[in-house]
Amino acid sequence: MPTNTKTITLECTFCGHQEPMRTFGGACPKCGEVIVEARYDLDALRASQWAETVSRRRPHLWRYHEVLPIYDTDNIVSLGEGHSPLIKSRALAAALGLKNLYIKDERQGPTASFKDRQATVAISALKEMGVDEVVVASTGNVAIAYAAYGARAGIKLWAFFPALAPNDKLREVAVYGAEVIKTTGTYDQTKALAQQFAASRGIFLDKGIKSVAAIEAMKTMAYEIAEQLTWELGAPSSGVPWRSPDWFLQGVSGGMGPIGVGKGFREMRTLGLVDRLPQFGMIQSSGCAPMVDAFMRGQRVATPVENPQTVIATLATGAPGRAYELLYDYVQENGGYFVSASDEEAFQAIRTLARNDGISVEPATGVTFAGLFKLVRQRVIKPDDVVVVNCSGHTLPVEKTILGEQWQKQVDLASAPTTPSLPPEDALMNAIDMVGKRARRVVVIEDNVEAARLMHRILQTRDDTEIRLAHNGAAGLALIRAWRPDMVITDLMMPDVDGFAVVREMKADPALADIPIIVVSAKELTKTSSATCRCCCKRARS
């Protein structure tokens, strides 16, 4: 059903300025804020008995399309996502002394995580906008979902991953035909590189929490939970048709999920569907917990964690920015708590949940359950509270055999200042071995003569390796086309034809597209990392 007459207004979360979504330029024109929220004509929906209309629709995410940022439903790109089960815990709930513990099982989405919600809304919005290519930085689940939905919509995806992202997740992204770039930096450094790449190519950059589609997509969990709890427990005595939980718990990194869920419950209260908003339990890995640290100090602004110390890549956002301020305000108004759990506690929680309720979850959800255990022990959560935990993703392995080994490019951002790094020779050799151990013919493109000599010397330590050098991108591309090497190592920042252009040209040529590429850069991505954020090859000359 087309909805071309629909009115969608965007409101700045900082100054309150409003403007039509169709004219939005990516930031508030009044104050420059990039986190904005969509506003709909909720009064008209309430008057039309919208909830009754929704209840007669097929149970999937797009049953709520009137409150999602799409003008024409013909542009929806769907794989059947949404309305994941709300499973009542039995054994684990009894062990915790909780009467009503529910698990929102997002593992059962098309790509096995709650990021399918974000992908269906974001890709549908991009299709409506006429976008055919998009860049995203991800620790795994976002890129997998975007790759799947992008493939369905015919939208090309460039996916940038930090060092800790599991290779299995990268392989799955590549299965869908996306371009995969893995860095050796943190998630925040990787986001900076993705932004730079998108700007250099003029490609649309999905900004996660700053994306309207992301927040709007995650609020659909709130709508579903309110409906499902009513089926489970009946309507509340206050007379509203749907029910809010007492608590909603989620492991948080950037904070996108609960920000969207909170918006969903606020909309439902305006629509007269629920009578209150739930308290939020925000759980972070203790190795990267800027929100928890700020909350415990009573601060509305979080101090960034420059060097995350967690192996759970999906929770390794060290700089949450204004997202934390929005969550802090929500907790101050509606109640809630921020708590951290260690990686060890998270993995123990995974085993506990699997052995008690038969549900195997990803590490980010393990952190959430470890936080739940703490909140129960601390009596923050009471036995009679209705608690919903977002089970954000599955532990299922992804495809290991389809692609072979020539499916990713390596971008070396080096380590954060306090993390020990490998010597230059070892770091480069590790990168080479990761991309292709059998590469014997190697082209090195480097505009700095000393760095080129260093790479040549390092590569000569490999048996039977032939190396040819080019000192600019144009010469390098000519050499690659003429010689057809087994591997290319290229500088990122060069005048005229840079490393991005080399990658682009190679990927566009079917004869060169499968050649593995290692991209190295001396580009400083953050002010705090200026002394060490260099590629392993160039560190020797500093």
Protein backbone atom coordinates (compact mmCIF):
# COMPACT_ATOMS: atom_id res chain seq x y z
CA MET A 1 0.00 0.00 0.00
CA PRO A 2 1.69 3.22 -1.14
CA THR A 3 1.95 5.97 1.45
CA ASN A 4 3.08 8.91 -0.68
CA THR A 5 0.94 11.38 1.32
CA LYS A 6 2.73 10.48 4.54
CA THR A 7 4.32 13.31 6.51
CA ILE A 8 7.70 12.65 8.17
CA THR A 9 9.47 15.40 10.08
CA LEU A 10 12.94 15.16 11.59
CA GLU A 11 13.59 16.74 14.98
CA CYS A 12 17.05 17.60 16.26
CA THR A 13 17.75 15.86 19.58
CA PHE A 14 19.85 18.82 20.73
CA CYS A 15 18.02 22.04 19.82
CA GLY A 16 14.61 20.71 18.76
CA HIS A 17 14.68 22.19 15.26
CA GLN A 18 12.29 20.41 12.88
CA GLU A 19 12.27 20.05 9.12
CA PRO A 20 10.79 17.64 6.53
CA MET A 21 12.78 14.44 6.08
CA ARG A 22 12.88 14.97 2.30
CA THR A 23 15.01 18.12 2.72
CA PHE A 24 17.34 16.86 5.47
CA GLY A 25 20.99 17.43 4.62
CA GLY A 26 22.59 15.10 7.17
CA ALA A 27 22.88 17.53 10.09
CA CYS A 28 20.69 20.05 11.88
CA PRO A 29 20.97 23.37 9.99
CA LYS A 30 20.62 25.29 13.27
CA CYS A 31 23.19 23.61 15.53
CA GLY A 32 24.97 20.98 13.44
CA GLU A 33 23.73 17.99 15.48
CA VAL A 34 23.57 14.75 13.47
CA ILE A 35 21.40 12.64 15.79
CA VAL A 36 17.83 13.40 14.78
CA GLU A 37 14.56 11.53 15.34
CA ALA A 38 11.63 11.08 12.98
CA ARG A 39 8.24 12.46 13.96
CA TYR A 40 4.94 11.21 12.57
CA ASP A 41 1.30 12.29 12.85
CA LEU A 42 0.60 10.15 15.91
CA ASP A 43 -2.63 12.00 16.73
CA ALA A 44 -4.10 10.97 13.40
CA LEU A 45 -3.01 7.36 13.94
CA ARG A 46 -4.55 7.31 17.41
CA ALA A 47 -7.83 8.67 16.07
CA SER A 48 -7.89 6.03 13.34
CA GLN A 49 -7.70 3.12 15.80
CA TRP A 50 -4.35 2.22 14.28
CA ALA A 51 -3.61 -0.52 16.84
CA GLU A 52 -6.61 -2.50 15.67
CA THR A 53 -5.43 -2.22 12.07
CA VAL A 54 -1.95 -3.40 13.05
CA SER A 55 -3.32 -6.41 14.92
CA ARG A 56 -4.92 -7.72 11.71
CA ARG A 57 -1.67 -7.61 9.72
CA ARG A 58 0.84 -10.37 9.21
CA PRO A 59 3.32 -10.43 12.15
CA HIS A 60 6.52 -8.93 10.73
CA LEU A 61 8.41 -5.68 11.16
CA TRP A 62 6.67 -3.77 8.40
CA ARG A 63 3.23 -4.12 10.02
CA TYR A 64 4.20 -0.82 11.68
CA HIS A 65 5.11 0.92 8.40
CA GLU A 66 3.12 4.07 9.24
CA VAL A 67 5.70 4.90 11.93
CA LEU A 68 8.76 4.00 9.86
CA PRO A 69 10.73 6.38 7.60
CA ILE A 70 9.46 5.12 4.24
CA TYR A 71 7.09 7.13 2.07
CA ASP A 72 6.14 4.40 -0.39
CA THR A 73 5.80 0.79 0.76
CA ASP A 74 6.70 -0.36 -2.76
CA ASN A 75 10.30 0.49 -1.81
CA ILE A 76 10.42 -1.94 1.12
CA VAL A 77 13.27 -4.47 0.95
CA SER A 78 12.35 -7.37 3.21
CA LEU A 79 13.53 -10.88 4.03
CA GLY A 80 10.73 -11.62 6.50
CA GLU A 81 12.37 -9.97 9.51
CA GLY A 82 10.69 -8.93 12.73
CA HIS A 83 8.29 -10.36 15.31
CA SER A 84 10.96 -12.62 16.72
CA PRO A 85 9.75 -14.87 19.55
CA LEU A 86 9.46 -13.61 23.11
CA ILE A 87 10.54 -16.71 25.03
CA LYS A 88 9.73 -17.09 28.71
CA SER A 89 12.72 -18.40 30.67
CA ARG A 90 11.99 -21.31 33.00
CA ALA A 91 15.06 -22.87 34.62
CA LEU A 92 17.26 -19.77 34.54
CA ALA A 93 14.43 -17.57 35.81
CA ALA A 94 13.85 -19.98 38.69
CA ALA A 95 17.53 -19.98 39.55
CA LEU A 96 17.50 -16.17 39.64
CA GLY A 97 14.25 -15.99 41.57
CA LEU A 98 12.47 -14.09 38.79
CA LYS A 99 8.83 -14.78 38.02
CA ASN A 100 8.72 -13.18 34.59
CA LEU A 101 11.99 -13.28 32.65
CA TYR A 102 11.57 -13.08 28.88
CA ILE A 103 14.12 -13.38 26.09
CA LYS A 104 13.51 -11.45 22.88
CA ASP A 105 15.07 -13.97 20.52
CA GLU A 106 16.61 -11.91 17.74
CA ARG A 107 18.75 -14.89 16.71
CA GLN A 108 15.86 -16.01 14.51
CA GLY A 109 16.12 -13.13 12.06
CA PRO A 110 17.24 -13.67 8.43
CA THR A 111 20.93 -13.21 9.27
CA ALA A 112 20.62 -14.28 12.93
CA SER A 113 20.91 -10.91 14.69
CA PHE A 114 18.82 -7.89 15.63
CA LYS A 115 20.71 -5.84 13.04
CA ASP A 116 18.33 -7.26 10.42
CA ARG A 117 15.88 -4.63 11.67
CA GLN A 118 18.33 -1.85 10.95
CA ALA A 119 19.23 -3.32 7.57
CA THR A 120 15.67 -3.66 6.26
CA VAL A 121 14.78 -0.07 7.17
CA ALA A 122 18.11 1.44 6.11
CA ILE A 123 18.34 -0.41 2.80
CA SER A 124 14.68 0.35 2.04
CA ALA A 125 15.32 4.04 2.73
CA LEU A 126 18.45 3.98 0.54
CA LYS A 127 16.48 2.36 -2.27
CA GLU A 128 13.83 5.08 -1.98
CA MET A 129 16.58 7.72 -2.08
CA GLY A 130 18.11 6.18 -5.21
CA VAL A 131 21.39 5.24 -3.50
CA ASP A 132 23.18 2.33 -5.17
CA GLU A 133 26.40 2.13 -3.11
CA VAL A 134 27.01 2.46 0.64
CA VAL A 135 29.91 2.33 3.11
CA VAL A 136 29.51 0.94 6.62
CA ALA A 137 31.88 0.35 9.53
CA SER A 138 30.93 -2.70 11.55
CA THR A 139 32.13 -5.25 14.06
CA GLY A 140 30.15 -7.97 12.30
CA ASN A 141 26.38 -8.14 12.55
CA VAL A 142 25.55 -4.80 10.90
CA ALA A 143 27.70 -5.58 7.88
CA ILE A 144 26.27 -9.09 7.52
CA ALA A 145 22.72 -7.75 7.57
CA TYR A 146 23.47 -4.85 5.24
CA ALA A 147 25.26 -7.19 2.83
CA ALA A 148 22.27 -9.54 2.65
CA TYR A 149 19.66 -6.82 2.21
CA GLY A 150 21.93 -4.82 -0.08
CA ALA A 151 22.31 -7.86 -2.33
CA ARG A 152 18.53 -8.19 -2.48
CA ALA A 153 18.14 -4.51 -3.37
CA GLY A 154 21.06 -4.33 -5.80
CA ILE A 155 22.99 -1.91 -3.55
CA LYS A 156 26.77 -2.37 -3.39
CA LEU A 157 28.28 -2.50 0.11
CA TRP A 158 31.78 -1.57 1.29
CA ALA A 159 32.24 -3.05 4.78
CA PHE A 160 35.09 -1.88 7.06
CA PHE A 161 35.98 -4.05 10.08
CA PRO A 162 38.25 -3.47 13.11
CA ALA A 163 41.02 -5.87 14.11
CA LEU A 164 38.93 -7.80 16.64
CA ALA A 165 36.11 -8.61 14.21
CA PRO A 166 35.91 -12.42 13.80
CA ASN A 167 37.05 -13.61 10.39
CA ASP A 168 34.00 -15.88 10.18
CA LYS A 169 31.77 -12.81 10.15
CA LEU A 170 33.88 -11.20 7.44
CA ARG A 171 33.56 -14.33 5.33
CA GLU A 172 29.79 -14.23 5.58
CA VAL A 173 29.74 -10.61 4.44
CA ALA A 174 31.87 -11.57 1.46
CA VAL A 175 29.47 -14.40 0.57
CA TYR A 176 26.85 -11.76 -0.26
CA GLY A 177 29.24 -10.03 -2.66
CA ALA A 178 30.22 -7.08 -0.48
CA GLU A 179 33.71 -5.57 -0.50
CA VAL A 180 35.48 -6.44 2.79
CA ILE A 181 38.21 -4.26 4.30
CA LYS A 182 39.70 -5.40 7.61
CA THR A 183 41.90 -3.00 9.55
CA THR A 184 44.31 -3.56 12.41
CA GLY A 185 42.84 -0.63 14.35
CA THR A 186 40.07 -0.14 16.91
CA TYR A 187 36.42 0.24 15.98
CA ASP A 188 36.60 4.01 16.39
CA GLN A 189 39.68 4.20 14.12
CA THR A 190 37.93 1.98 11.60
CA LYS A 191 34.89 4.27 11.56
CA ALA A 192 37.19 7.21 10.83
CA LEU A 193 38.79 5.35 7.93
CA ALA A 194 35.38 4.35 6.54
CA GLN A 195 34.26 7.98 6.67
CA GLN A 196 37.43 9.08 4.87
CA PHE A 197 36.95 6.41 2.21
CA ALA A 198 33.30 7.35 1.65
CA ALA A 199 34.22 11.03 1.31
CA SER A 200 37.04 10.27 -1.14
CA ARG A 201 34.72 8.20 -3.32
CA GLY A 202 31.55 10.24 -2.89
CA ILE A 203 29.70 7.19 -1.55
CA PHE A 204 26.85 7.33 0.95
CA LEU A 205 28.09 6.61 4.49
CA ASP A 206 25.75 4.90 6.94
CA LYS A 207 26.44 6.53 10.32
CA GLY A 208 24.84 3.99 12.69
CA ILE A 209 23.40 5.86 15.66
CA LYS A 210 23.35 9.06 13.60
CA SER A 211 21.17 7.39 10.97
CA VAL A 212 17.43 8.01 11.18
CA ALA A 213 16.74 4.54 9.81
CA ALA A 214 18.80 2.85 12.52
CA ILE A 215 16.91 4.41 15.44
CA GLU A 216 13.56 3.91 13.77
CA ALA A 217 14.29 0.27 13.01
CA MET A 218 15.25 -0.60 16.58
CA LYS A 219 12.06 0.90 18.00
CA THR A 220 10.08 -1.89 16.31
CA MET A 221 11.37 -4.19 19.06
CA ALA A 222 9.45 -2.04 21.55
CA TYR A 223 6.22 -2.34 19.57
CA GLU A 224 6.62 -6.10 19.32
CA ILE A 225 7.48 -6.54 23.00
CA ALA A 226 4.42 -4.53 24.06
CA GLU A 227 2.14 -6.65 21.89
CA GLN A 228 3.75 -9.94 22.89
CA LEU A 229 3.70 -9.23 26.63
CA THR A 230 -0.02 -8.54 26.32
CA TRP A 231 -0.48 -11.96 24.78
CA GLU A 232 1.59 -13.47 27.61
CA LEU A 233 0.30 -11.55 30.63
CA GLY A 234 -2.86 -9.81 29.48
CA ALA A 235 -3.54 -6.09 29.21
CA PRO A 236 -2.64 -3.96 32.24
CA SER A 237 -5.38 -2.86 34.65
CA SER A 238 -4.93 0.80 33.67
CA GLY A 239 -7.00 0.24 30.55
CA VAL A 240 -4.35 0.61 27.82
CA PRO A 241 -4.32 -2.23 25.27
CA TRP A 242 -0.61 -3.14 25.36
CA ARG A 243 1.86 -3.81 28.15
CA SER A 244 5.33 -2.43 28.92
CA PRO A 245 7.91 -4.52 30.78
CA ASP A 246 9.41 -3.25 34.01
CA TRP A 247 12.91 -3.68 32.59
CA PHE A 248 14.51 -3.86 29.16
CA LEU A 249 18.15 -5.08 29.17
CA GLN A 250 20.73 -4.90 26.42
CA GLY A 251 24.48 -5.00 26.00
CA VAL A 252 25.47 -1.60 24.61
CA SER A 253 28.35 -0.26 22.58
CA GLY A 254 27.17 2.73 20.55
CA GLY A 255 23.74 2.69 22.21
CA MET A 256 21.61 2.54 19.07
CA GLY A 257 19.35 -0.31 20.19
CA PRO A 258 18.02 1.09 23.46
CA ILE A 259 17.72 4.61 22.04
CA GLY A 260 15.40 3.21 19.40
CA VAL A 261 13.53 1.03 21.91
CA GLY A 262 13.00 4.03 24.18
CA LYS A 263 11.61 6.05 21.28
CA GLY A 264 9.22 3.21 20.47
CA PHE A 265 7.77 3.14 23.98
CA ARG A 266 7.43 6.95 23.99
CA GLU A 267 5.47 6.79 20.74
CA MET A 268 3.22 4.04 22.10
CA ARG A 269 2.50 6.12 25.19
CA THR A 270 1.50 9.04 22.96
CA LEU A 271 -0.69 6.68 20.94
CA GLY A 272 -2.37 5.50 24.16
CA LEU A 273 -1.11 1.93 23.69
CA VAL A 274 1.01 1.70 26.89
CA ASP A 275 0.83 3.61 30.16
CA ARG A 276 4.51 3.83 31.07
CA LEU A 277 8.09 3.33 29.87
CA PRO A 278 10.35 0.52 31.08
CA GLN A 279 13.51 0.98 33.08
CA PHE A 280 16.68 0.30 31.09
CA GLY A 281 19.51 -2.03 32.10
CA MET A 282 22.60 -1.03 30.08
CA ILE A 283 25.44 -3.51 30.23
CA GLN A 284 28.94 -2.95 28.84
CA SER A 285 32.09 -5.02 28.76
CA SER A 286 34.30 -3.98 31.67
CA GLY A 287 37.17 -3.69 29.17
CA CYS A 288 35.30 -0.91 27.35
CA ALA A 289 32.73 0.71 29.60
CA PRO A 290 32.75 4.49 29.10
CA MET A 291 28.99 4.73 29.74
CA VAL A 292 29.17 2.73 32.98
CA ASP A 293 32.15 4.73 34.22
CA ALA A 294 30.38 8.04 33.56
CA PHE A 295 27.12 6.83 35.13
CA MET A 296 28.88 5.72 38.29
CA ARG A 297 30.44 9.18 38.55
CA GLY A 298 27.09 10.85 37.97
CA GLN A 299 28.29 12.42 34.73
CA ARG A 300 26.13 13.07 31.69
CA VAL A 301 29.13 13.11 29.35
CA ALA A 302 31.26 9.97 28.94
CA THR A 303 35.05 10.06 28.78
CA PRO A 304 36.20 8.01 25.76
CA VAL A 305 38.12 4.79 26.29
CA GLU A 306 41.10 5.10 23.97
CA ASN A 307 42.28 1.49 24.20
CA PRO A 308 39.43 -1.03 24.63
CA GLN A 309 40.52 -4.15 26.52
CA THR A 310 37.86 -6.63 25.48
CA VAL A 311 37.83 -9.45 22.97
CA ILE A 312 34.11 -8.85 22.36
CA ALA A 313 34.45 -6.65 19.29
CA THR A 314 30.76 -5.78 19.08
CA LEU A 315 31.01 -3.92 22.40
CA ALA A 316 34.33 -2.14 21.79
CA THR A 317 33.10 1.38 21.03
CA GLY A 318 35.29 3.61 23.15
CA ALA A 319 33.63 6.92 22.26
CA PRO A 320 29.82 6.75 22.51
CA GLY A 321 29.44 10.52 22.17
CA ARG A 322 25.98 12.03 22.53
CA ALA A 323 24.33 8.62 22.43
CA TYR A 324 25.28 8.18 26.09
CA GLU A 325 23.76 11.57 26.93
CA LEU A 326 20.43 10.46 25.46
CA LEU A 327 20.52 7.19 27.40
CA TYR A 328 21.58 8.94 30.59
CA ASP A 329 18.62 11.31 30.27
CA TYR A 330 16.28 8.38 29.68
CA VAL A 331 17.49 6.59 32.82
CA GLN A 332 17.21 9.76 34.89
CA GLU A 333 13.61 10.21 33.77
CA ASN A 334 12.35 6.63 33.66
CA GLY A 335 14.72 4.65 35.86
CA GLY A 336 17.43 2.18 35.11
CA TYR A 337 21.05 1.30 35.69
CA PHE A 338 24.39 0.94 33.93
CA VAL A 339 26.62 -1.99 34.88
CA SER A 340 29.66 -3.76 33.40
CA ALA A 341 30.71 -7.40 33.15
CA SER A 342 34.03 -8.95 32.24
CA ASP A 343 34.65 -11.10 29.18
CA GLU A 344 35.05 -14.10 31.49
CA GLU A 345 31.70 -13.41 33.13
CA ALA A 346 30.12 -13.06 29.70
CA PHE A 347 31.36 -16.43 28.48
CA GLN A 348 30.27 -18.08 31.71
CA ALA A 349 26.83 -16.54 31.24
CA ILE A 350 26.67 -17.97 27.71
CA ARG A 351 27.20 -21.47 29.13
CA THR A 352 24.70 -20.88 31.91
CA LEU A 353 21.97 -19.75 29.53
CA ALA A 354 22.63 -22.56 27.05
CA ARG A 355 22.57 -25.26 29.74
CA ASN A 356 19.49 -23.92 31.51
CA ASP A 357 17.23 -22.66 28.74
CA GLY A 358 18.76 -24.22 25.61
CA ILE A 359 19.58 -20.87 24.03
CA SER A 360 23.06 -20.31 22.60
CA VAL A 361 23.94 -16.63 22.17
CA GLU A 362 26.69 -14.36 20.91
CA PRO A 363 29.19 -12.80 23.36
CA ALA A 364 27.40 -9.42 23.40
CA THR A 365 24.30 -11.16 24.72
CA GLY A 366 26.49 -13.06 27.18
CA VAL A 367 27.55 -9.68 28.57
CA THR A 368 23.87 -8.74 28.89
CA PHE A 369 23.04 -11.84 30.91
CA ALA A 370 26.11 -11.41 33.08
CA GLY A 371 24.81 -7.92 33.81
CA LEU A 372 21.37 -9.33 34.58
CA PHE A 373 22.89 -11.68 37.16
CA LYS A 374 24.57 -8.72 38.85
CA LEU A 375 21.44 -6.56 38.86
CA VAL A 376 19.48 -9.39 40.45
CA ARG A 377 22.16 -10.03 43.08
CA GLN A 378 22.28 -6.32 43.88
CA ARG A 379 18.46 -6.31 44.21
CA VAL A 380 18.17 -3.62 41.58
CA ILE A 381 15.83 -5.97 39.72
CA LYS A 382 13.10 -7.39 41.97
CA PRO A 383 11.56 -10.90 41.85
CA ASP A 384 8.17 -9.64 40.65
CA ASP A 385 9.58 -7.41 37.88
CA VAL A 386 8.76 -8.25 34.28
CA VAL A 387 12.16 -8.36 32.58
CA VAL A 388 12.90 -8.54 28.85
CA VAL A 389 16.45 -9.26 27.65
CA ASN A 390 17.45 -8.55 24.07
CA CYS A 391 19.08 -11.72 22.76
CA SER A 392 20.88 -9.87 20.00
CA GLY A 393 22.52 -12.67 18.01
CA HIS A 394 23.47 -16.32 17.57
CA THR A 395 26.70 -18.27 18.00
CA LEU A 396 26.18 -20.23 14.78
CA PRO A 397 29.35 -20.45 12.66
CA VAL A 398 29.23 -18.93 9.20
CA GLU A 399 30.36 -20.32 5.86
CA LYS A 400 34.06 -21.27 5.86
CA THR A 401 34.61 -22.94 2.52
CA ILE A 402 32.85 -21.12 -0.32
CA LEU A 403 35.23 -18.22 -0.79
CA GLY A 404 38.72 -19.60 -0.38
CA GLU A 405 41.27 -17.13 0.97
CA GLN A 406 41.19 -14.23 -1.50
CA TRP A 407 38.25 -12.31 -0.08
CA GLN A 408 39.54 -9.45 2.07
CA LYS A 409 41.90 -6.49 1.96
CA GLN A 410 44.09 -5.65 4.94
CA VAL A 411 44.32 -2.04 6.16
CA ASP A 412 46.89 -1.60 8.89
CA LEU A 413 46.02 1.17 11.36
CA ALA A 414 48.52 -0.07 13.97
CA SER A 415 47.79 -0.34 17.66
CA ALA A 416 46.49 2.16 20.16
CA PRO A 417 49.24 3.88 22.21
CA THR A 418 49.13 1.55 25.20
CA THR A 419 48.93 -1.71 23.24
CA PRO A 420 52.22 -3.51 22.53
CA SER A 421 52.79 -3.83 18.79
CA LEU A 422 54.75 -6.24 16.66
CA PRO A 423 58.06 -5.20 15.13
CA PRO A 424 57.56 -3.82 11.59
CA GLU A 425 58.89 -6.93 9.89
CA ASP A 426 56.71 -9.31 11.89
CA ALA A 427 53.59 -7.18 11.47
CA LEU A 428 53.95 -7.00 7.70
CA MET A 429 54.69 -10.70 7.38
CA ASN A 430 51.68 -11.58 9.52
CA ALA A 431 49.48 -9.44 7.28
CA ILE A 432 50.91 -11.11 4.17
CA ASP A 433 50.39 -14.59 5.58
CA MET A 434 46.80 -13.69 6.56
CA VAL A 435 45.91 -12.65 3.00
CA GLY A 436 47.85 -15.18 0.99
CA LYS A 437 50.66 -17.50 2.08
CA ARG A 438 51.27 -18.76 -1.44
CA ALA A 439 51.80 -15.33 -3.02
CA ARG A 440 55.18 -15.37 -4.79
CA ARG A 441 54.83 -12.43 -7.21
CA VAL A 442 54.28 -9.21 -5.25
CA VAL A 443 53.85 -5.63 -6.45
CA VAL A 444 54.65 -2.87 -3.93
CA ILE A 445 53.26 0.62 -4.61
CA GLU A 446 54.87 3.22 -2.33
CA ASP A 447 55.71 6.85 -3.06
CA ASN A 448 58.29 7.08 -0.26
CA VAL A 449 61.57 5.57 -1.49
CA GLU A 450 62.81 4.57 1.99
CA ALA A 451 59.57 2.82 2.86
CA ALA A 452 59.59 1.00 -0.48
CA ARG A 453 63.13 -0.25 0.16
CA LEU A 454 62.13 -1.43 3.64
CA MET A 455 59.17 -3.40 2.29
CA HIS A 456 61.35 -4.87 -0.43
CA ARG A 457 63.92 -5.98 2.18
CA ILE A 458 61.24 -7.56 4.37
CA LEU A 459 59.64 -9.41 1.45
CA GLN A 460 62.99 -10.78 0.31
CA THR A 461 63.12 -12.87 3.49
CA ARG A 462 60.35 -15.05 2.03
CA ASP A 463 61.51 -17.95 -0.09
CA ASP A 464 60.90 -17.72 -3.84
CA THR A 465 59.31 -14.26 -3.68
CA GLU A 466 59.73 -11.89 -6.63
CA ILE A 467 59.07 -8.22 -5.86
CA ARG A 468 58.50 -5.34 -8.27
CA LEU A 469 58.20 -1.72 -7.13
CA ALA A 470 56.17 1.25 -8.34
CA HIS A 471 56.44 4.71 -6.83
CA ASN A 472 52.96 6.03 -7.63
CA GLY A 473 49.47 4.66 -8.15
CA ALA A 474 49.35 5.10 -11.90
CA ALA A 475 52.64 3.25 -12.43
CA GLY A 476 51.50 0.59 -9.99
CA LEU A 477 48.28 -0.09 -11.90
CA ALA A 478 50.21 -0.34 -15.17
CA LEU A 479 52.63 -2.81 -13.57
CA ILE A 480 49.79 -4.88 -12.12
CA ARG A 481 48.00 -5.13 -15.45
CA ALA A 482 51.20 -6.09 -17.27
CA TRP A 483 52.64 -8.54 -14.73
CA ARG A 484 49.52 -10.00 -12.99
CA PRO A 485 51.05 -10.49 -9.51
CA ASP A 486 49.80 -12.83 -6.79
CA MET A 487 49.51 -9.95 -4.29
CA VAL A 488 49.58 -6.14 -4.17
CA ILE A 489 50.82 -4.00 -1.27
CA THR A 490 49.90 -0.35 -1.75
CA ASP A 491 50.28 2.86 0.19
CA LEU A 492 46.97 4.51 1.04
CA MET A 493 47.98 8.18 0.85
CA MET A 494 49.69 9.09 -2.43
CA PRO A 495 49.29 12.11 -4.69
CA ASP A 496 47.06 11.85 -7.76
CA VAL A 497 46.19 8.12 -7.89
CA ASP A 498 45.97 7.04 -4.22
CA GLY A 499 45.48 3.63 -2.62
CA PHE A 500 41.70 3.94 -2.72
CA ALA A 501 41.87 4.48 -6.47
CA VAL A 502 44.16 1.47 -6.89
CA VAL A 503 41.67 -0.73 -5.03
CA ARG A 504 38.77 0.69 -7.05
CA GLU A 505 40.45 0.11 -10.39
CA MET A 506 41.50 -3.42 -9.49
CA LYS A 507 38.04 -4.39 -8.24
CA ALA A 508 36.47 -2.99 -11.40
CA ASP A 509 38.68 -5.17 -13.64
CA PRO A 510 37.52 -8.83 -13.65
CA ALA A 511 41.05 -9.94 -14.47
CA LEU A 512 42.44 -8.24 -11.33
CA ALA A 513 39.51 -8.36 -8.92
CA ASP A 514 40.63 -11.53 -7.12
CA ILE A 515 44.20 -10.41 -6.42
CA PRO A 516 44.64 -9.94 -2.64
CA ILE A 517 45.52 -6.41 -1.54
CA ILE A 518 47.23 -5.15 1.61
CA VAL A 519 46.67 -1.42 2.11
CA VAL A 520 49.10 0.46 4.39
CA SER A 521 48.79 4.03 5.57
CA ALA A 522 50.59 6.64 7.64
CA LYS A 523 47.41 8.69 7.84
CA GLU A 524 46.77 9.80 11.42
CA LEU A 525 43.17 8.86 12.20
CA THR A 526 42.86 10.42 15.65
CA LYS A 527 44.66 13.17 17.51
CA THR A 528 45.44 10.90 20.43
CA SER A 529 47.07 8.29 18.23
CA SER A 530 49.24 10.63 16.20
CA ALA A 531 52.50 9.17 17.49
CA THR A 532 51.70 5.55 16.72
CA CYS A 533 48.83 5.36 14.22
CA ARG A 534 51.05 4.39 11.31
CA CYS A 535 51.38 1.35 9.16
CA CYS A 536 53.87 -1.29 10.20
CA CYS A 537 56.09 -0.48 7.21
CA LYS A 538 56.36 3.25 7.82
CA ARG A 539 56.93 3.15 11.53
CA ALA A 540 60.61 2.42 10.88
CA ARG A 541 61.22 5.85 9.34
CA SER A 542 59.66 7.86 12.20
